Amino acid sequence: MSDIPPNTSGERGRFRPFAELLFSLRFLTRLPIPFTRTLDPPPLAESMRFFALAGAFIGTLNGLVLLGLHYLHLPALMAATLTCASAALITGALHEDGLSDMVDGLFGGKSREQRLLIMRDSRIGNYGAIALILAMLTRVAAYEALLNLSLTTVILIFAASGAFSRAMVVDLLWATRSARSDGLSVFAGRPGRNSALFAILFGGALTVCAGFQIQQASGVVAILAACAVTAVVRRLAIRMIGGQTGDVCGAVQVLSEIAMLAVFTSMIG
């Protein structure tokens, strides 16, 4: 799912913000990120501190796409739908793939081993297809509703939901053991507490700023909603498969972002 090489750098622990941000973007998107072929790759687990910043960048791009399509006088529903398609292209549908696999595995398997086997299968089942359809429809509805807001507010909401939802992924990886001895989340590594805290603080601050554009409390409520979704998914994953996987991380990103969008759109005056 990513072409980042294994962590071979002998400079583990060194703080390299520029390189870490670039490799975060390279891992989370399919965009042509410059300099990553020439820079010494930092450990991905340490680069995760910038997942929230990378998420803000991704969210900003998506917001600009939505506004651009709207200003081309496309119907709001069409602009929102095409923005969802563009967002999937930007990330390679990395998180959506995780959502469908997790739902298929958790609800289609009868034992821990069977659930993990289903989650590893690249084919999509009924549960996964339904989850993807519902997620996309919810996003389209939220994006359409956001077009009633100012340009600045739309960009801030997209950036905040992109940032904090990916901060939840870092928190999940830090606080939850892996369900497997291999796989994407094991390859990525386990971020430290400080990395998780940095991501949460950055994403949280951005969310509070976005909330002030609608209602003062909306940013805090959006944060609580994302945290609640993450807690539910974490508890479910621990109970049913023994921990987190890359698919669970993807599901957390999608579901927490949707929860935040639901809060923001419900508070539009």
Protein backbone atom coordinates (compact mmCIF):
# COMPACT_ATOMS: atom_id res chain seq x y z
CA MET A 1 0.00 0.00 0.00
CA SER A 2 3.04 2.22 0.22
CA ASP A 3 6.42 2.14 -1.51
CA ILE A 4 8.32 3.63 1.43
CA PRO A 5 11.35 1.43 2.10
CA PRO A 6 11.91 -0.17 5.48
CA ASN A 7 13.50 2.02 8.13
CA THR A 8 17.22 1.64 7.60
CA SER A 9 18.34 5.05 8.76
CA GLY A 10 21.04 5.06 11.39
CA GLU A 11 19.84 8.41 12.73
CA ARG A 12 16.81 7.16 14.63
CA GLY A 13 15.54 9.69 17.11
CA ARG A 14 16.80 12.72 15.20
CA PHE A 15 14.12 15.37 14.66
CA ARG A 16 13.92 16.14 10.95
CA PRO A 17 10.62 17.96 10.42
CA PHE A 18 10.97 18.58 6.69
CA ALA A 19 11.85 14.99 5.86
CA GLU A 20 9.26 13.59 8.26
CA LEU A 21 6.50 15.71 6.75
CA LEU A 22 7.44 14.70 3.21
CA PHE A 23 7.47 11.00 4.08
CA SER A 24 4.16 11.36 5.91
CA LEU A 25 2.66 12.80 2.74
CA ARG A 26 4.27 10.08 0.66
CA PHE A 27 2.76 7.39 2.87
CA LEU A 28 -0.72 8.94 3.10
CA THR A 29 -1.14 10.08 -0.52
CA ARG A 30 -0.41 9.16 -4.11
CA LEU A 31 0.85 12.64 -4.88
CA PRO A 32 4.30 13.07 -6.46
CA ILE A 33 6.15 14.27 -3.34
CA PRO A 34 9.52 15.91 -4.19
CA PHE A 35 12.89 15.06 -2.62
CA THR A 36 11.77 11.72 -1.11
CA ARG A 37 14.08 9.82 -3.47
CA THR A 38 17.11 11.80 -2.36
CA LEU A 39 16.47 12.34 1.36
CA ASP A 40 17.55 9.80 3.93
CA PRO A 41 14.16 8.31 4.96
CA PRO A 42 13.28 8.90 8.61
CA PRO A 43 11.56 6.07 10.55
CA LEU A 44 7.89 6.14 9.64
CA ALA A 45 6.89 5.75 13.29
CA GLU A 46 8.61 9.06 14.04
CA SER A 47 7.21 10.72 10.91
CA MET A 48 3.71 10.01 12.25
CA ARG A 49 3.96 13.10 14.44
CA PHE A 50 3.27 14.99 11.21
CA PHE A 51 0.29 12.88 10.12
CA ALA A 52 -2.05 15.61 11.36
CA LEU A 53 -0.20 18.29 9.38
CA ALA A 54 -0.24 16.05 6.32
CA GLY A 55 -3.96 15.49 6.92
CA ALA A 56 -4.53 19.24 7.03
CA PHE A 57 -2.78 19.56 3.68
CA ILE A 58 -4.89 16.76 2.18
CA GLY A 59 -8.06 18.28 3.60
CA THR A 60 -7.16 21.70 2.21
CA LEU A 61 -6.68 20.22 -1.26
CA ASN A 62 -10.08 18.55 -1.05
CA GLY A 63 -11.68 21.80 0.09
CA LEU A 64 -10.12 23.69 -2.79
CA VAL A 65 -11.42 21.07 -5.23
CA LEU A 66 -14.95 21.42 -3.83
CA LEU A 67 -14.87 25.22 -3.98
CA GLY A 68 -13.32 25.20 -7.45
CA LEU A 69 -16.03 22.93 -8.81
CA HIS A 70 -18.68 25.07 -7.13
CA TYR A 71 -17.32 28.25 -8.65
CA LEU A 72 -17.45 26.57 -12.05
CA HIS A 73 -21.23 26.60 -11.44
CA LEU A 74 -21.58 22.86 -11.16
CA PRO A 75 -24.63 21.76 -9.15
CA ALA A 76 -23.77 21.40 -5.46
CA LEU A 77 -24.48 17.66 -5.44
CA MET A 78 -22.26 17.07 -8.47
CA ALA A 79 -19.44 19.17 -7.00
CA ALA A 80 -19.63 17.21 -3.74
CA THR A 81 -19.63 13.86 -5.56
CA LEU A 82 -16.65 14.77 -7.73
CA THR A 83 -14.80 16.01 -4.65
CA CYS A 84 -15.23 12.57 -3.07
CA ALA A 85 -13.77 11.02 -6.22
CA SER A 86 -10.86 13.46 -6.18
CA ALA A 87 -10.18 12.73 -2.50
CA ALA A 88 -10.00 9.01 -3.25
CA LEU A 89 -7.51 9.67 -6.04
CA ILE A 90 -5.33 11.84 -3.80
CA THR A 91 -5.02 9.17 -1.09
CA GLY A 92 -5.36 6.12 -3.31
CA ALA A 93 -8.47 5.27 -1.25
CA LEU A 94 -6.03 4.06 1.42
CA HIS A 95 -8.37 4.62 4.34
CA GLU A 96 -11.53 3.56 2.54
CA ASP A 97 -9.89 0.24 1.71
CA GLY A 98 -9.21 -0.22 5.41
CA LEU A 99 -12.81 0.57 6.32
CA SER A 100 -14.26 -1.99 3.92
CA ASP A 101 -11.78 -4.69 4.96
CA MET A 102 -12.36 -4.08 8.66
CA VAL A 103 -16.14 -4.20 8.39
CA ASP A 104 -15.98 -7.36 6.26
CA GLY A 105 -13.67 -9.03 8.75
CA LEU A 106 -15.31 -8.02 12.00
CA PHE A 107 -18.85 -8.80 10.90
CA GLY A 108 -18.19 -11.61 8.43
CA GLY A 109 -15.94 -13.84 10.52
CA LYS A 110 -16.85 -16.07 13.43
CA SER A 111 -13.42 -16.34 15.08
CA ARG A 112 -10.40 -14.09 15.55
CA GLU A 113 -8.39 -16.05 12.98
CA GLN A 114 -11.18 -16.02 10.43
CA ARG A 115 -11.75 -12.29 10.87
CA LEU A 116 -8.07 -11.53 10.34
CA LEU A 117 -8.03 -13.79 7.27
CA ILE A 118 -11.03 -12.00 5.76
CA MET A 119 -9.46 -8.61 6.46
CA ARG A 120 -6.34 -9.66 4.57
CA ASP A 121 -8.39 -10.77 1.54
CA SER A 122 -8.35 -8.05 -1.14
CA ARG A 123 -11.86 -8.95 -2.30
CA ILE A 124 -14.73 -6.87 -0.93
CA GLY A 125 -17.77 -8.47 0.66
CA ASN A 126 -21.33 -7.33 1.31
CA TYR A 127 -20.57 -5.64 4.62
CA GLY A 128 -17.60 -3.78 3.21
CA ALA A 129 -19.51 -2.61 0.14
CA ILE A 130 -22.38 -1.31 2.27
CA ALA A 131 -19.94 0.48 4.59
CA LEU A 132 -18.22 2.18 1.65
CA ILE A 133 -21.50 3.27 0.06
CA LEU A 134 -22.76 4.72 3.34
CA ALA A 135 -19.45 6.49 4.00
CA MET A 136 -19.41 8.06 0.53
CA LEU A 137 -23.05 9.11 0.69
CA THR A 138 -22.50 10.72 4.08
CA ARG A 139 -19.47 12.61 2.84
CA VAL A 140 -21.29 13.82 -0.26
CA ALA A 141 -24.16 15.10 1.88
CA ALA A 142 -21.73 16.87 4.24
CA TYR A 143 -19.75 18.45 1.40
CA GLU A 144 -22.93 19.71 -0.21
CA ALA A 145 -24.03 21.28 3.08
CA LEU A 146 -20.64 22.98 3.56
CA LEU A 147 -21.13 24.95 0.34
CA ASN A 148 -23.49 27.21 2.29
CA LEU A 149 -20.50 28.52 4.27
CA SER A 150 -17.78 31.02 3.44
CA LEU A 151 -14.62 30.00 1.58
CA THR A 152 -12.44 30.36 4.68
CA THR A 153 -14.80 28.29 6.82
CA VAL A 154 -14.98 25.48 4.24
CA ILE A 155 -11.18 25.27 3.99
CA LEU A 156 -10.77 25.30 7.78
CA ILE A 157 -13.33 22.52 8.25
CA PHE A 158 -11.74 20.35 5.58
CA ALA A 159 -8.26 20.95 7.01
CA ALA A 160 -9.38 20.32 10.60
CA SER A 161 -11.29 17.12 9.87
CA GLY A 162 -8.40 15.84 7.75
CA ALA A 163 -5.89 16.66 10.48
CA PHE A 164 -7.66 15.44 13.61
CA SER A 165 -8.95 12.23 12.02
CA ARG A 166 -5.36 11.29 11.15
CA ALA A 167 -4.24 12.29 14.63
CA MET A 168 -6.70 9.64 15.84
CA VAL A 169 -4.79 7.09 13.73
CA VAL A 170 -1.54 8.04 15.46
CA ASP A 171 -3.25 7.79 18.84
CA LEU A 172 -4.66 4.36 17.94
CA LEU A 173 -1.25 3.07 16.89
CA TRP A 174 0.38 4.40 20.05
CA ALA A 175 -2.25 3.19 22.53
CA THR A 176 -3.24 -0.15 21.01
CA ARG A 177 -1.25 -3.32 20.48
CA SER A 178 -1.09 -4.88 17.03
CA ALA A 179 -3.37 -7.81 16.28
CA ARG A 180 -0.78 -9.32 13.94
CA SER A 181 2.93 -9.97 13.88
CA ASP A 182 3.08 -8.59 10.33
CA GLY A 183 1.07 -6.26 8.14
CA LEU A 184 0.95 -2.54 7.38
CA SER A 185 0.61 -1.28 10.95
CA VAL A 186 3.57 -3.44 12.05
CA PHE A 187 5.61 -2.19 9.09
CA ALA A 188 4.72 1.39 9.95
CA GLY A 189 5.86 0.95 13.55
CA ARG A 190 4.52 2.25 16.81
CA PRO A 191 4.74 6.00 17.36
CA GLY A 192 5.76 7.40 20.71
CA ARG A 193 3.51 9.20 23.16
CA ASN A 194 4.98 12.58 22.24
CA SER A 195 4.26 11.97 18.54
CA ALA A 196 0.65 11.13 19.33
CA LEU A 197 0.34 14.16 21.60
CA PHE A 198 1.81 16.50 18.99
CA ALA A 199 -0.58 15.22 16.33
CA ILE A 200 -3.59 15.50 18.64
CA LEU A 201 -2.70 19.01 19.80
CA PHE A 202 -2.15 20.27 16.27
CA GLY A 203 -5.31 18.67 14.93
CA GLY A 204 -7.29 19.75 17.98
CA ALA A 205 -6.18 23.37 17.76
CA LEU A 206 -7.12 23.49 14.09
CA THR A 207 -10.52 21.95 14.87
CA VAL A 208 -11.24 24.53 17.57
CA CYS A 209 -10.34 27.31 15.12
CA ALA A 210 -12.69 25.81 12.53
CA GLY A 211 -15.44 25.54 15.12
CA PHE A 212 -15.27 29.25 15.90
CA GLN A 213 -16.33 29.89 12.31
CA ILE A 214 -19.69 28.21 12.97
CA GLN A 215 -20.47 28.03 16.70
CA GLN A 216 -17.98 28.33 19.54
CA ALA A 217 -18.71 24.86 20.89
CA SER A 218 -18.77 23.05 17.55
CA GLY A 219 -15.02 22.45 17.42
CA VAL A 220 -14.95 20.88 20.88
CA VAL A 221 -17.99 18.74 20.05
CA ALA A 222 -16.33 17.61 16.81
CA ILE A 223 -13.21 16.58 18.76
CA LEU A 224 -15.31 14.63 21.25
CA ALA A 225 -17.20 12.92 18.42
CA ALA A 226 -13.97 11.82 16.74
CA CYS A 227 -12.57 10.56 20.05
CA ALA A 228 -15.79 8.65 20.77
CA VAL A 229 -15.72 6.95 17.37
CA THR A 230 -12.06 6.03 17.83
CA ALA A 231 -12.76 4.59 21.29
CA VAL A 232 -15.64 2.46 19.98
CA VAL A 233 -13.62 1.12 17.04
CA ARG A 234 -10.62 0.44 19.30
CA ARG A 235 -12.74 -1.47 21.82
CA LEU A 236 -14.43 -3.46 19.06
CA ALA A 237 -11.11 -4.34 17.43
CA ILE A 238 -9.53 -5.43 20.71
CA ARG A 239 -12.52 -7.60 21.59
CA MET A 240 -12.91 -9.22 18.16
CA ILE A 241 -9.36 -9.50 16.78
CA GLY A 242 -7.09 -8.67 19.73
CA GLY A 243 -5.82 -5.27 18.64
CA GLN A 244 -5.35 -2.88 15.75
CA THR A 245 -4.32 -3.49 12.14
CA GLY A 246 -3.74 -1.19 9.19
CA ASP A 247 -7.36 -1.75 8.18
CA VAL A 248 -8.58 -0.67 11.62
CA CYS A 249 -6.46 2.48 11.33
CA GLY A 250 -8.02 3.28 7.96
CA ALA A 251 -11.50 2.77 9.38
CA VAL A 252 -10.75 5.08 12.30
CA GLN A 253 -9.68 7.85 9.92
CA VAL A 254 -12.78 7.59 7.74
CA LEU A 255 -15.29 7.22 10.57
CA SER A 256 -13.81 9.94 12.80
CA GLU A 257 -13.68 12.36 9.87
CA ILE A 258 -17.32 11.63 9.05
CA ALA A 259 -18.25 12.16 12.70
CA MET A 260 -16.56 15.56 12.66
CA LEU A 261 -18.25 16.57 9.42
CA ALA A 262 -21.58 15.50 10.87
CA VAL A 263 -21.05 17.76 13.89
CA PHE A 264 -19.99 20.76 11.82
CA THR A 265 -22.83 20.46 9.33
CA SER A 266 -25.43 19.91 12.06
CA MET A 267 -24.41 23.20 13.68
CA ILE A 268 -24.66 25.33 10.57
CA GLY A 269 -27.07 28.12 11.44
